[in-house]
Amino acid sequence: MTQYDNRLLDDVAKLFTSAAGAAQGLRQEIEAIVKGQAERLIADLDLVSRDEFDAVQAMAAKAREENEALKARIEALETAASSQG
């Protein structure tokens, strides 16, 4: 009876090992499908890349700085013109 019990336990263990391997494979397959769908959805949304976003953000910051410098220069010229006139 002990040999039968051991064999039964071995068979159950093999069954669980096979099931775990199949579940792992299924999980990987589902992850790949979901990742593919997400990538397609993002591509369809026509989003910009992080690099492009960072480049535009830097350009906007530089433009704001230049605008502030020009604004200060205009104010200085207007002050100088009003004091001469």
Protein backbone atom coordinates (compact mmCIF):
# COMPACT_ATOMS: atom_id res chain seq x y z
CA MET A 1 0.00 0.00 0.00
CA THR A 2 2.90 2.33 0.71
CA GLN A 3 4.27 1.90 -2.80
CA TYR A 4 0.86 2.70 -4.24
CA ASP A 5 0.61 5.83 -2.07
CA ASN A 6 4.11 6.97 -3.11
CA ARG A 7 3.33 6.36 -6.76
CA LEU A 8 0.06 8.25 -6.44
CA LEU A 9 1.83 11.18 -4.76
CA ASP A 10 4.51 11.15 -7.48
CA ASP A 11 1.84 11.20 -10.16
CA VAL A 12 0.02 14.06 -8.45
CA ALA A 13 3.29 15.98 -8.08
CA LYS A 14 4.05 15.48 -11.78
CA LEU A 15 0.55 16.63 -12.66
CA PHE A 16 0.93 19.80 -10.59
CA THR A 17 4.37 20.46 -12.09
CA SER A 18 2.96 20.09 -15.60
CA ALA A 19 0.02 22.32 -14.74
CA ALA A 20 2.33 24.97 -13.28
CA GLY A 21 4.47 24.87 -16.43
CA ALA A 22 1.40 25.19 -18.63
CA ALA A 23 0.09 28.07 -16.53
CA GLN A 24 3.47 29.83 -16.79
CA GLY A 25 3.45 29.42 -20.56
CA LEU A 26 -0.11 30.67 -20.78
CA ARG A 27 0.74 33.70 -18.61
CA GLN A 28 3.68 34.58 -20.87
CA GLU A 29 1.51 34.22 -23.94
CA ILE A 30 -1.22 36.46 -22.49
CA GLU A 31 1.38 39.07 -21.45
CA ALA A 32 2.76 39.12 -24.99
CA ILE A 33 -0.73 39.56 -26.47
CA VAL A 34 -1.63 42.35 -24.04
CA LYS A 35 1.70 44.10 -24.65
CA GLY A 36 1.18 43.90 -28.41
CA GLN A 37 -2.33 45.32 -28.14
CA ALA A 38 -1.13 48.15 -25.87
CA GLU A 39 1.68 49.02 -28.28
CA ARG A 40 -0.77 49.11 -31.18
CA LEU A 41 -3.17 51.29 -29.21
CA ILE A 42 -0.39 53.73 -28.32
CA ALA A 43 0.78 53.81 -31.93
CA ASP A 44 -2.78 54.57 -33.08
CA LEU A 45 -3.02 57.47 -30.61
CA ASP A 46 -0.10 59.16 -32.40
CA LEU A 47 1.63 60.08 -29.15
CA VAL A 48 5.05 61.71 -29.10
CA SER A 49 8.07 59.95 -27.70
CA ARG A 50 9.64 61.02 -24.43
CA ASP A 51 12.70 62.34 -26.30
CA GLU A 52 10.53 64.48 -28.57
CA PHE A 53 8.56 65.78 -25.59
CA ASP A 54 11.74 66.68 -23.71
CA ALA A 55 13.15 68.47 -26.77
CA VAL A 56 10.00 70.57 -27.22
CA GLN A 57 9.90 71.30 -23.50
CA ALA A 58 13.50 72.56 -23.63
CA MET A 59 12.70 74.70 -26.68
CA ALA A 60 9.69 76.21 -24.88
CA ALA A 61 11.78 77.01 -21.80
CA LYS A 62 14.41 78.69 -23.97
CA ALA A 63 11.73 80.70 -25.80
CA ARG A 64 10.26 81.84 -22.47
CA GLU A 65 13.70 82.98 -21.30
CA GLU A 66 14.28 84.87 -24.55
CA ASN A 67 10.83 86.50 -24.27
CA GLU A 68 11.57 87.63 -20.72
CA ALA A 69 14.93 89.07 -21.83
CA LEU A 70 13.27 90.91 -24.74
CA LYS A 71 10.53 92.20 -22.48
CA ALA A 72 13.12 93.60 -20.05
CA ARG A 73 15.04 95.15 -22.95
CA ILE A 74 11.89 96.82 -24.34
CA GLU A 75 11.00 98.17 -20.90
CA ALA A 76 14.52 99.59 -20.53
CA LEU A 77 14.35 101.22 -23.98
CA GLU A 78 10.88 102.66 -23.24
CA THR A 79 12.15 104.04 -19.93
CA ALA A 80 15.15 105.59 -21.64
CA ALA A 81 12.97 107.06 -24.42
CA SER A 82 10.47 108.56 -21.97
CA SER A 83 13.21 110.13 -19.87
CA GLN A 84 14.77 111.77 -22.99
CA GLY A 85 11.50 113.08 -24.32
